[in-house]
């Protein structure tokens, strides 16, 4: 039957459906254009944070995974190494899930490797505008397991592995720790600095979840929101400790390093200043002591 022979009510329905379908396709095209542009802009911003190989203090390494894309990381080893196996701190950068790069932790990672006498690994997890957040967590899990499997080669002690993350990186650190438990690997400890906790569920954590240290900033809304997650962990009977720096702001630890200033057009004076730098070094010393006792 031809269109003109259809009853009027069917003609109206077909026209309406056709218009809706056309609008949906237009919106889909617009969304794809926006998503492509959004990803490209994020990639440009991330690329600005990457150091030239000649400037990087750490050693670039690439972790191979069976049947999966490799993961890029930076490795830091203390200048003075004895015969003992060293702990490892997996240092996870933040960036709102779509920003940041492992290179922004370059100076800090070298410093804590020497001051804490640990091996430090920073991980360039895939960002959430490219792959789901769960994919980045799996990458971090796989890097940790790689170092556990190759502990002798790197001279590290797999019984003394710590995941430490900042903001969104803290979310990844916590989620990766959960995945590692499911893989029957126990982290020695977990450090969450002003963590983004929305989406984390303490009820899903095992009773033997590793000891967790929260570093909170008193002048940071994200830190304050994280306190409800702290209470959830306490209610679940998990081992944790909270250190709050009343005058600290968000990202005060990693921003107070040479890599913290990345754009002269952005005023970072509320984050990068002598007071916040002093608090950052105080927090690092506290974290070091807490990890050492685990």
C-alpha atoms as a PDB file:
ATOM      1  CA  UNK A   1       0.000   0.000   0.000  1.00  0.00           C
ATOM      2  CA  UNK A   2       1.287   3.423  -0.947  1.00  0.00           C
ATOM      3  CA  UNK A   3       1.709   6.183   1.624  1.00  0.00           C
ATOM      4  CA  UNK A   4      -1.055   8.330   0.144  1.00  0.00           C
ATOM      5  CA  UNK A   5      -3.476   5.425   0.471  1.00  0.00           C
ATOM      6  CA  UNK A   6      -2.894   5.032   4.219  1.00  0.00           C
ATOM      7  CA  UNK A   7      -5.453   6.289   6.738  1.00  0.00           C
ATOM      8  CA  UNK A   8      -4.772   9.794   7.981  1.00  0.00           C
ATOM      9  CA  UNK A   9      -3.934   8.669  11.533  1.00  0.00           C
ATOM     10  CA  UNK A  10      -1.253   6.267  10.206  1.00  0.00           C
ATOM     11  CA  UNK A  11       0.169   8.976   7.968  1.00  0.00           C
ATOM     12  CA  UNK A  12       0.470  11.239  11.014  1.00  0.00           C
ATOM     13  CA  UNK A  13       2.188   8.524  13.080  1.00  0.00           C
ATOM     14  CA  UNK A  14       4.665   7.757  10.297  1.00  0.00           C
ATOM     15  CA  UNK A  15       5.493  11.438   9.834  1.00  0.00           C
ATOM     16  CA  UNK A  16       6.000  11.922  13.580  1.00  0.00           C
ATOM     17  CA  UNK A  17       8.216   8.821  13.826  1.00  0.00           C
ATOM     18  CA  UNK A  18      10.200   9.972  10.807  1.00  0.00           C
ATOM     19  CA  UNK A  19      10.776  13.398  12.362  1.00  0.00           C
ATOM     20  CA  UNK A  20      11.792  11.835  15.687  1.00  0.00           C
ATOM     21  CA  UNK A  21      14.199   9.459  13.918  1.00  0.00           C
ATOM     22  CA  UNK A  22      15.710  12.335  11.957  1.00  0.00           C
ATOM     23  CA  UNK A  23      16.134  14.422  15.115  1.00  0.00           C
ATOM     24  CA  UNK A  24      17.727  11.453  16.913  1.00  0.00           C
ATOM     25  CA  UNK A  25      20.232  11.002  14.094  1.00  0.00           C
ATOM     26  CA  UNK A  26      21.054  14.710  14.138  1.00  0.00           C
ATOM     27  CA  UNK A  27      21.565  14.622  17.901  1.00  0.00           C
ATOM     28  CA  UNK A  28      23.706  11.514  17.573  1.00  0.00           C
ATOM     29  CA  UNK A  29      25.916  13.232  15.008  1.00  0.00           C
ATOM     30  CA  UNK A  30      26.200  16.332  17.210  1.00  0.00           C
ATOM     31  CA  UNK A  31      27.063  14.178  20.231  1.00  0.00           C
ATOM     32  CA  UNK A  32      29.754  12.300  18.293  1.00  0.00           C
ATOM     33  CA  UNK A  33      31.237  15.587  17.096  1.00  0.00           C
ATOM     34  CA  UNK A  34      31.225  16.904  20.673  1.00  0.00           C
ATOM     35  CA  UNK A  35      32.733  13.687  22.056  1.00  0.00           C
ATOM     36  CA  UNK A  36      35.486  13.690  19.441  1.00  0.00           C
ATOM     37  CA  UNK A  37      36.272  17.336  20.161  1.00  0.00           C
ATOM     38  CA  UNK A  38      36.176  16.699  23.928  1.00  0.00           C
ATOM     39  CA  UNK A  39      38.594  13.800  23.657  1.00  0.00           C
ATOM     40  CA  UNK A  40      40.942  15.733  21.387  1.00  0.00           C
ATOM     41  CA  UNK A  41      41.026  18.683  23.772  1.00  0.00           C
ATOM     42  CA  UNK A  42      41.676  16.379  26.742  1.00  0.00           C
ATOM     43  CA  UNK A  43      44.453  14.698  24.808  1.00  0.00           C
ATOM     44  CA  UNK A  44      46.030  18.075  24.022  1.00  0.00           C
ATOM     45  CA  UNK A  45      45.870  19.045  27.683  1.00  0.00           C
ATOM     46  CA  UNK A  46      47.413  15.736  28.756  1.00  0.00           C
ATOM     47  CA  UNK A  47      50.160  16.008  26.141  1.00  0.00           C
ATOM     48  CA  UNK A  48      51.236  19.344  27.616  1.00  0.00           C
ATOM     49  CA  UNK A  49      52.078  17.559  30.868  1.00  0.00           C
ATOM     50  CA  UNK A  50      54.406  14.995  29.280  1.00  0.00           C
ATOM     51  CA  UNK A  51      58.098  15.702  29.711  1.00  0.00           C
ATOM     52  CA  UNK A  52      60.739  15.179  27.053  1.00  0.00           C
ATOM     53  CA  UNK A  53      62.559  11.925  27.710  1.00  0.00           C
ATOM     54  CA  UNK A  54      65.760  13.919  28.302  1.00  0.00           C
ATOM     55  CA  UNK A  55      64.034  15.883  31.094  1.00  0.00           C
ATOM     56  CA  UNK A  56      62.328  12.985  32.858  1.00  0.00           C
ATOM     57  CA  UNK A  57      64.000  11.971  36.119  1.00  0.00           C
ATOM     58  CA  UNK A  58      62.400   8.529  36.234  1.00  0.00           C
ATOM     59  CA  UNK A  59      62.842   5.638  33.817  1.00  0.00           C
ATOM     60  CA  UNK A  60      60.075   5.041  31.299  1.00  0.00           C
ATOM     61  CA  UNK A  61      58.943   1.425  31.231  1.00  0.00           C
ATOM     62  CA  UNK A  62      56.120  -0.407  29.485  1.00  0.00           C
ATOM     63  CA  UNK A  63      54.258  -3.238  31.174  1.00  0.00           C
ATOM     64  CA  UNK A  64      53.193  -5.956  28.754  1.00  0.00           C
ATOM     65  CA  UNK A  65      49.886  -7.743  29.369  1.00  0.00           C
ATOM     66  CA  UNK A  66      48.660 -10.973  27.797  1.00  0.00           C
ATOM     67  CA  UNK A  67      45.991 -10.224  25.229  1.00  0.00           C
ATOM     68  CA  UNK A  68      45.697  -6.600  26.357  1.00  0.00           C
ATOM     69  CA  UNK A  69      47.295  -3.274  25.504  1.00  0.00           C
ATOM     70  CA  UNK A  70      50.477  -2.528  27.413  1.00  0.00           C
ATOM     71  CA  UNK A  71      50.577   0.083  30.189  1.00  0.00           C
ATOM     72  CA  UNK A  72      53.140   2.875  30.355  1.00  0.00           C
ATOM     73  CA  UNK A  73      54.738   3.698  33.689  1.00  0.00           C
ATOM     74  CA  UNK A  74      57.705   5.511  35.213  1.00  0.00           C
ATOM     75  CA  UNK A  75      60.120   3.812  37.591  1.00  0.00           C
ATOM     76  CA  UNK A  76      62.107   5.428  40.419  1.00  0.00           C
ATOM     77  CA  UNK A  77      64.760   3.628  42.441  1.00  0.00           C
ATOM     78  CA  UNK A  78      66.645   5.104  45.442  1.00  0.00           C
ATOM     79  CA  UNK A  79      70.134   6.390  44.701  1.00  0.00           C
ATOM     80  CA  UNK A  80      71.557   4.131  47.386  1.00  0.00           C
ATOM     81  CA  UNK A  81      70.403   0.510  47.379  1.00  0.00           C
ATOM     82  CA  UNK A  82      71.425  -2.202  49.812  1.00  0.00           C
ATOM     83  CA  UNK A  83      70.855  -5.938  49.660  1.00  0.00           C
ATOM     84  CA  UNK A  84      67.383  -5.868  51.209  1.00  0.00           C
ATOM     85  CA  UNK A  85      64.217  -6.113  49.156  1.00  0.00           C
ATOM     86  CA  UNK A  86      62.533  -2.707  48.978  1.00  0.00           C
ATOM     87  CA  UNK A  87      58.874  -1.766  49.419  1.00  0.00           C
ATOM     88  CA  UNK A  88      57.045  -0.380  46.399  1.00  0.00           C
ATOM     89  CA  UNK A  89      54.781   2.673  46.338  1.00  0.00           C
ATOM     90  CA  UNK A  90      52.522   2.841  43.291  1.00  0.00           C
ATOM     91  CA  UNK A  91      51.970   6.581  42.959  1.00  0.00           C
ATOM     92  CA  UNK A  92      48.694   7.329  41.125  1.00  0.00           C
ATOM     93  CA  UNK A  93      48.153  10.825  39.737  1.00  0.00           C
ATOM     94  CA  UNK A  94      44.815  12.630  39.704  1.00  0.00           C
ATOM     95  CA  UNK A  95      43.212  14.846  37.103  1.00  0.00           C
ATOM     96  CA  UNK A  96      39.461  14.544  37.301  1.00  0.00           C
ATOM     97  CA  UNK A  97      39.484  11.103  35.607  1.00  0.00           C
ATOM     98  CA  UNK A  98      40.256  12.623  32.185  1.00  0.00           C
ATOM     99  CA  UNK A  99      43.361  14.723  32.903  1.00  0.00           C
ATOM    100  CA  UNK A 100      46.834  14.395  34.325  1.00  0.00           C
ATOM    101  CA  UNK A 101      49.850  12.298  33.461  1.00  0.00           C
ATOM    102  CA  UNK A 102      52.353  10.195  35.363  1.00  0.00           C
ATOM    103  CA  UNK A 103      55.049  12.767  34.547  1.00  0.00           C
ATOM    104  CA  UNK A 104      53.460  15.339  36.891  1.00  0.00           C
ATOM    105  CA  UNK A 105      54.685  13.184  39.798  1.00  0.00           C
ATOM    106  CA  UNK A 106      58.256  13.018  38.469  1.00  0.00           C
ATOM    107  CA  UNK A 107      60.051  15.235  41.000  1.00  0.00           C
ATOM    108  CA  UNK A 108      57.953  14.046  43.923  1.00  0.00           C
ATOM    109  CA  UNK A 109      58.468  10.378  43.037  1.00  0.00           C
ATOM    110  CA  UNK A 110      62.250  10.767  42.928  1.00  0.00           C
ATOM    111  CA  UNK A 111      62.175  12.556  46.280  1.00  0.00           C
ATOM    112  CA  UNK A 112      60.054   9.989  48.101  1.00  0.00           C
ATOM    113  CA  UNK A 113      62.011   7.103  46.543  1.00  0.00           C
ATOM    114  CA  UNK A 114      65.133   8.457  48.235  1.00  0.00           C
ATOM    115  CA  UNK A 115      63.599   9.821  51.437  1.00  0.00           C
ATOM    116  CA  UNK A 116      61.362   6.803  52.052  1.00  0.00           C
ATOM    117  CA  UNK A 117      63.867   4.254  50.675  1.00  0.00           C
ATOM    118  CA  UNK A 118      61.259   2.682  48.410  1.00  0.00           C
ATOM    119  CA  UNK A 119      60.829   1.903  44.745  1.00  0.00           C
ATOM    120  CA  UNK A 120      58.191   4.189  43.224  1.00  0.00           C
ATOM    121  CA  UNK A 121      56.082   3.379  40.182  1.00  0.00           C
ATOM    122  CA  UNK A 122      53.826   5.973  38.564  1.00  0.00           C
ATOM    123  CA  UNK A 123      51.226   4.586  36.173  1.00  0.00           C
ATOM    124  CA  UNK A 124      49.725   6.207  33.082  1.00  0.00           C
ATOM    125  CA  UNK A 125      46.311   4.605  33.327  1.00  0.00           C
ATOM    126  CA  UNK A 126      43.900   5.120  30.427  1.00  0.00           C
ATOM    127  CA  UNK A 127      41.624   8.077  31.088  1.00  0.00           C
ATOM    128  CA  UNK A 128      37.864   7.835  31.436  1.00  0.00           C
ATOM    129  CA  UNK A 129      37.129   9.769  28.235  1.00  0.00           C
ATOM    130  CA  UNK A 130      38.875   6.974  26.308  1.00  0.00           C
ATOM    131  CA  UNK A 131      37.943   3.870  28.303  1.00  0.00           C
ATOM    132  CA  UNK A 132      35.618   3.267  31.280  1.00  0.00           C
ATOM    133  CA  UNK A 133      37.019   3.949  34.742  1.00  0.00           C
ATOM    134  CA  UNK A 134      37.038   0.207  35.396  1.00  0.00           C
ATOM    135  CA  UNK A 135      39.553  -0.236  32.560  1.00  0.00           C
ATOM    136  CA  UNK A 136      42.042   2.105  34.249  1.00  0.00           C
ATOM    137  CA  UNK A 137      41.599   0.237  37.528  1.00  0.00           C
ATOM    138  CA  UNK A 138      42.360  -3.030  35.757  1.00  0.00           C
ATOM    139  CA  UNK A 139      45.516  -1.526  34.255  1.00  0.00           C
ATOM    140  CA  UNK A 140      46.759  -0.501  37.697  1.00  0.00           C
ATOM    141  CA  UNK A 141      45.899  -3.942  39.075  1.00  0.00           C
ATOM    142  CA  UNK A 142      47.885  -5.576  36.270  1.00  0.00           C
ATOM    143  CA  UNK A 143      50.926  -3.363  36.853  1.00  0.00           C
ATOM    144  CA  UNK A 144      50.934  -4.268  40.547  1.00  0.00           C
ATOM    145  CA  UNK A 145      50.684  -7.972  39.715  1.00  0.00           C
ATOM    146  CA  UNK A 146      53.498  -7.608  37.176  1.00  0.00           C
ATOM    147  CA  UNK A 147      55.843  -6.248  39.838  1.00  0.00           C
ATOM    148  CA  UNK A 148      54.774  -8.990  42.217  1.00  0.00           C
ATOM    149  CA  UNK A 149      55.594 -11.594  39.549  1.00  0.00           C
ATOM    150  CA  UNK A 150      58.949  -9.923  38.801  1.00  0.00           C
ATOM    151  CA  UNK A 151      59.824  -8.993  42.376  1.00  0.00           C
ATOM    152  CA  UNK A 152      63.243 -10.640  42.237  1.00  0.00           C
ATOM    153  CA  UNK A 153      64.221  -8.808  39.048  1.00  0.00           C
ATOM    154  CA  UNK A 154      63.360  -5.447  40.578  1.00  0.00           C
ATOM    155  CA  UNK A 155      64.625  -6.267  44.061  1.00  0.00           C
ATOM    156  CA  UNK A 156      61.291  -5.512  45.715  1.00  0.00           C
ATOM    157  CA  UNK A 157      59.224  -7.117  48.453  1.00  0.00           C
ATOM    158  CA  UNK A 158      55.674  -8.000  47.279  1.00  0.00           C
ATOM    159  CA  UNK A 159      54.560  -8.119  50.915  1.00  0.00           C
ATOM    160  CA  UNK A 160      55.224  -4.373  51.153  1.00  0.00           C
ATOM    161  CA  UNK A 161      53.267  -2.911  48.250  1.00  0.00           C
ATOM    162  CA  UNK A 162      51.327   0.337  48.758  1.00  0.00           C
ATOM    163  CA  UNK A 163      48.928   2.092  46.417  1.00  0.00           C
ATOM    164  CA  UNK A 164      48.815   5.865  46.891  1.00  0.00           C
ATOM    165  CA  UNK A 165      46.542   8.129  44.885  1.00  0.00           C
ATOM    166  CA  UNK A 166      45.419  11.734  44.742  1.00  0.00           C
ATOM    167  CA  UNK A 167      41.840  12.904  44.115  1.00  0.00           C
ATOM    168  CA  UNK A 168      40.580  10.871  41.121  1.00  0.00           C
ATOM    169  CA  UNK A 169      43.822   8.897  41.376  1.00  0.00           C
ATOM    170  CA  UNK A 170      42.782   7.932  44.897  1.00  0.00           C
ATOM    171  CA  UNK A 171      39.540   6.526  43.495  1.00  0.00           C
ATOM    172  CA  UNK A 172      41.576   4.435  41.062  1.00  0.00           C
ATOM    173  CA  UNK A 173      43.902   3.326  43.873  1.00  0.00           C
ATOM    174  CA  UNK A 174      40.991   2.205  46.045  1.00  0.00           C
ATOM    175  CA  UNK A 175      39.185   0.446  43.217  1.00  0.00           C
ATOM    176  CA  UNK A 176      42.397  -1.279  42.083  1.00  0.00           C
ATOM    177  CA  UNK A 177      42.993  -2.508  45.628  1.00  0.00           C
ATOM    178  CA  UNK A 178      39.539  -4.081  45.575  1.00  0.00           C
ATOM    179  CA  UNK A 179      40.368  -5.791  42.264  1.00  0.00           C
ATOM    180  CA  UNK A 180      43.673  -7.025  43.653  1.00  0.00           C
ATOM    181  CA  UNK A 181      41.858  -8.634  46.569  1.00  0.00           C
ATOM    182  CA  UNK A 182      39.623 -10.443  44.092  1.00  0.00           C
ATOM    183  CA  UNK A 183      42.809 -11.629  42.373  1.00  0.00           C
ATOM    184  CA  UNK A 184      44.025 -13.007  45.735  1.00  0.00           C
ATOM    185  CA  UNK A 185      46.778 -10.425  46.101  1.00  0.00           C
ATOM    186  CA  UNK A 186      46.959  -8.468  49.345  1.00  0.00           C
ATOM    187  CA  UNK A 187      48.334  -4.941  49.351  1.00  0.00           C
ATOM    188  CA  UNK A 188      50.213  -3.947  52.503  1.00  0.00           C
ATOM    189  CA  UNK A 189      48.479  -0.578  52.636  1.00  0.00           C
ATOM    190  CA  UNK A 190      46.471   2.036  50.788  1.00  0.00           C
ATOM    191  CA  UNK A 191      46.874   5.831  50.963  1.00  0.00           C
ATOM    192  CA  UNK A 192      44.021   8.040  49.728  1.00  0.00           C
ATOM    193  CA  UNK A 193      44.858  11.733  49.472  1.00  0.00           C
ATOM    194  CA  UNK A 194      41.818  14.052  49.283  1.00  0.00           C
ATOM    195  CA  UNK A 195      40.046  11.207  47.477  1.00  0.00           C
ATOM    196  CA  UNK A 196      37.128  11.309  45.111  1.00  0.00           C
ATOM    197  CA  UNK A 197      34.938   8.635  46.712  1.00  0.00           C
ATOM    198  CA  UNK A 198      31.615   8.907  44.862  1.00  0.00           C
ATOM    199  CA  UNK A 199      31.026   5.462  43.370  1.00  0.00           C
ATOM    200  CA  UNK A 200      33.121   3.604  45.935  1.00  0.00           C
ATOM    201  CA  UNK A 201      31.179   1.153  48.083  1.00  0.00           C
ATOM    202  CA  UNK A 202      32.606   0.103  51.443  1.00  0.00           C
ATOM    203  CA  UNK A 203      30.036  -2.684  51.715  1.00  0.00           C
ATOM    204  CA  UNK A 204      31.728  -4.487  48.813  1.00  0.00           C
ATOM    205  CA  UNK A 205      35.114  -4.599  50.535  1.00  0.00           C
ATOM    206  CA  UNK A 206      36.436  -7.735  52.182  1.00  0.00           C
ATOM    207  CA  UNK A 207      37.047  -7.713  55.936  1.00  0.00           C
ATOM    208  CA  UNK A 208      40.792  -8.098  55.318  1.00  0.00           C
ATOM    209  CA  UNK A 209      40.932  -4.980  53.131  1.00  0.00           C
ATOM    210  CA  UNK A 210      44.379  -3.448  53.699  1.00  0.00           C
ATOM    211  CA  UNK A 211      44.954  -0.689  56.262  1.00  0.00           C
ATOM    212  CA  UNK A 212      43.964   2.627  54.710  1.00  0.00           C
ATOM    213  CA  UNK A 213      45.263   6.112  55.416  1.00  0.00           C
ATOM    214  CA  UNK A 214      43.133   9.118  54.450  1.00  0.00           C
ATOM    215  CA  UNK A 215      44.917  12.435  53.945  1.00  0.00           C
ATOM    216  CA  UNK A 216      42.242  15.133  53.939  1.00  0.00           C
ATOM    217  CA  UNK A 217      42.408  18.852  53.229  1.00  0.00           C
ATOM    218  CA  UNK A 218      40.407  21.086  55.546  1.00  0.00           C
ATOM    219  CA  UNK A 219      39.742  23.667  52.811  1.00  0.00           C
ATOM    220  CA  UNK A 220      38.653  21.141  50.181  1.00  0.00           C
ATOM    221  CA  UNK A 221      35.011  20.167  49.493  1.00  0.00           C
ATOM    222  CA  UNK A 222      36.075  16.835  47.963  1.00  0.00           C
ATOM    223  CA  UNK A 223      37.933  15.914  51.164  1.00  0.00           C
ATOM    224  CA  UNK A 224      34.927  16.846  53.268  1.00  0.00           C
ATOM    225  CA  UNK A 225      32.619  14.748  51.112  1.00  0.00           C
ATOM    226  CA  UNK A 226      34.999  11.797  51.523  1.00  0.00           C
ATOM    227  CA  UNK A 227      34.260  11.742  55.256  1.00  0.00           C
ATOM    228  CA  UNK A 228      31.022   9.861  54.630  1.00  0.00           C
ATOM    229  CA  UNK A 229      33.046   7.109  52.944  1.00  0.00           C
ATOM    230  CA  UNK A 230      35.399   7.092  55.924  1.00  0.00           C
ATOM    231  CA  UNK A 231      32.394   6.496  58.179  1.00  0.00           C
ATOM    232  CA  UNK A 232      31.178   3.706  55.876  1.00  0.00           C
ATOM    233  CA  UNK A 233      34.572   1.992  56.139  1.00  0.00           C
ATOM    234  CA  UNK A 234      34.549   2.372  59.912  1.00  0.00           C
ATOM    235  CA  UNK A 235      31.039   0.897  60.078  1.00  0.00           C
ATOM    236  CA  UNK A 236      32.280  -2.033  58.006  1.00  0.00           C
ATOM    237  CA  UNK A 237      34.949  -2.684  60.625  1.00  0.00           C
ATOM    238  CA  UNK A 238      37.885  -1.868  58.331  1.00  0.00           C
ATOM    239  CA  UNK A 239      41.239  -0.615  59.589  1.00  0.00           C
ATOM    240  CA  UNK A 240      41.876   3.035  58.759  1.00  0.00           C
ATOM    241  CA  UNK A 241      43.405   6.265  59.956  1.00  0.00           C
ATOM    242  CA  UNK A 242      42.588   9.855  59.041  1.00  0.00           C
ATOM    243  CA  UNK A 243      44.992  12.789  59.049  1.00  0.00           C
ATOM    244  CA  UNK A 244      43.391  16.119  58.194  1.00  0.00           C
ATOM    245  CA  UNK A 245      45.375  19.278  57.498  1.00  0.00           C
ATOM    246  CA  UNK A 246      43.040  22.094  58.450  1.00  0.00           C
ATOM    247  CA  UNK A 247      44.623  24.769  56.233  1.00  0.00           C
ATOM    248  CA  UNK A 248      45.412  22.526  53.274  1.00  0.00           C
ATOM    249  CA  UNK A 249      43.658  22.808  49.905  1.00  0.00           C
ATOM    250  CA  UNK A 250      42.961  20.252  47.204  1.00  0.00           C
ATOM    251  CA  UNK A 251      46.046  18.845  45.403  1.00  0.00           C
ATOM    252  CA  UNK A 252      48.433  20.537  47.859  1.00  0.00           C
ATOM    253  CA  UNK A 253      50.802  17.560  47.900  1.00  0.00           C
ATOM    254  CA  UNK A 254      51.526  16.972  44.219  1.00  0.00           C
ATOM    255  CA  UNK A 255      51.022  20.576  43.081  1.00  0.00           C
ATOM    256  CA  UNK A 256      53.867  21.884  45.228  1.00  0.00           C
ATOM    257  CA  UNK A 257      56.530  20.504  42.937  1.00  0.00           C
ATOM    258  CA  UNK A 258      58.074  22.003  39.782  1.00  0.00           C
ATOM    259  CA  UNK A 259      55.542  20.147  37.634  1.00  0.00           C
ATOM    260  CA  UNK A 260      52.666  21.835  39.480  1.00  0.00           C
ATOM    261  CA  UNK A 261      52.893  25.003  37.398  1.00  0.00           C
ATOM    262  CA  UNK A 262      51.766  24.025  33.900  1.00  0.00           C
ATOM    263  CA  UNK A 263      49.944  27.112  32.613  1.00  0.00           C
ATOM    264  CA  UNK A 264      50.980  30.700  33.314  1.00  0.00           C
ATOM    265  CA  UNK A 265      47.430  31.900  32.606  1.00  0.00           C
ATOM    266  CA  UNK A 266      46.027  29.981  35.589  1.00  0.00           C
ATOM    267  CA  UNK A 267      46.409  31.503  39.038  1.00  0.00           C
ATOM    268  CA  UNK A 268      47.602  28.693  41.311  1.00  0.00           C
ATOM    269  CA  UNK A 269      48.714  30.940  44.169  1.00  0.00           C
ATOM    270  CA  UNK A 270      46.124  29.472  46.551  1.00  0.00           C
ATOM    271  CA  UNK A 271      47.640  26.013  46.005  1.00  0.00           C
ATOM    272  CA  UNK A 272      51.290  26.680  45.246  1.00  0.00           C
ATOM    273  CA  UNK A 273      52.759  28.772  48.027  1.00  0.00           C
ATOM    274  CA  UNK A 274      55.113  28.326  51.015  1.00  0.00           C
ATOM    275  CA  UNK A 275      52.337  27.388  53.444  1.00  0.00           C
ATOM    276  CA  UNK A 276      50.889  24.665  51.224  1.00  0.00           C
ATOM    277  CA  UNK A 277      54.366  23.398  50.329  1.00  0.00           C
ATOM    278  CA  UNK A 278      55.236  23.092  54.006  1.00  0.00           C
ATOM    279  CA  UNK A 279      52.005  21.172  54.631  1.00  0.00           C
ATOM    280  CA  UNK A 280      52.773  18.941  51.636  1.00  0.00           C
ATOM    281  CA  UNK A 281      56.180  17.965  52.981  1.00  0.00           C
ATOM    282  CA  UNK A 282      54.650  17.420  56.428  1.00  0.00           C
ATOM    283  CA  UNK A 283      52.036  15.128  54.891  1.00  0.00           C
ATOM    284  CA  UNK A 284      54.655  13.161  52.965  1.00  0.00           C
ATOM    285  CA  UNK A 285      56.628  12.583  56.174  1.00  0.00           C
ATOM    286  CA  UNK A 286      53.474  11.395  57.939  1.00  0.00           C
ATOM    287  CA  UNK A 287      52.608   9.045  55.077  1.00  0.00           C
ATOM    288  CA  UNK A 288      56.143   7.633  55.076  1.00  0.00           C
ATOM    289  CA  UNK A 289      56.004   6.896  58.802  1.00  0.00           C
ATOM    290  CA  UNK A 290      52.537   5.352  58.524  1.00  0.00           C
ATOM    291  CA  UNK A 291      53.581   3.079  55.622  1.00  0.00           C
ATOM    292  CA  UNK A 292      56.737   2.036  57.453  1.00  0.00           C
ATOM    293  CA  UNK A 293      54.669   0.734  60.356  1.00  0.00           C
ATOM    294  CA  UNK A 294      52.364  -1.387  58.255  1.00  0.00           C
END
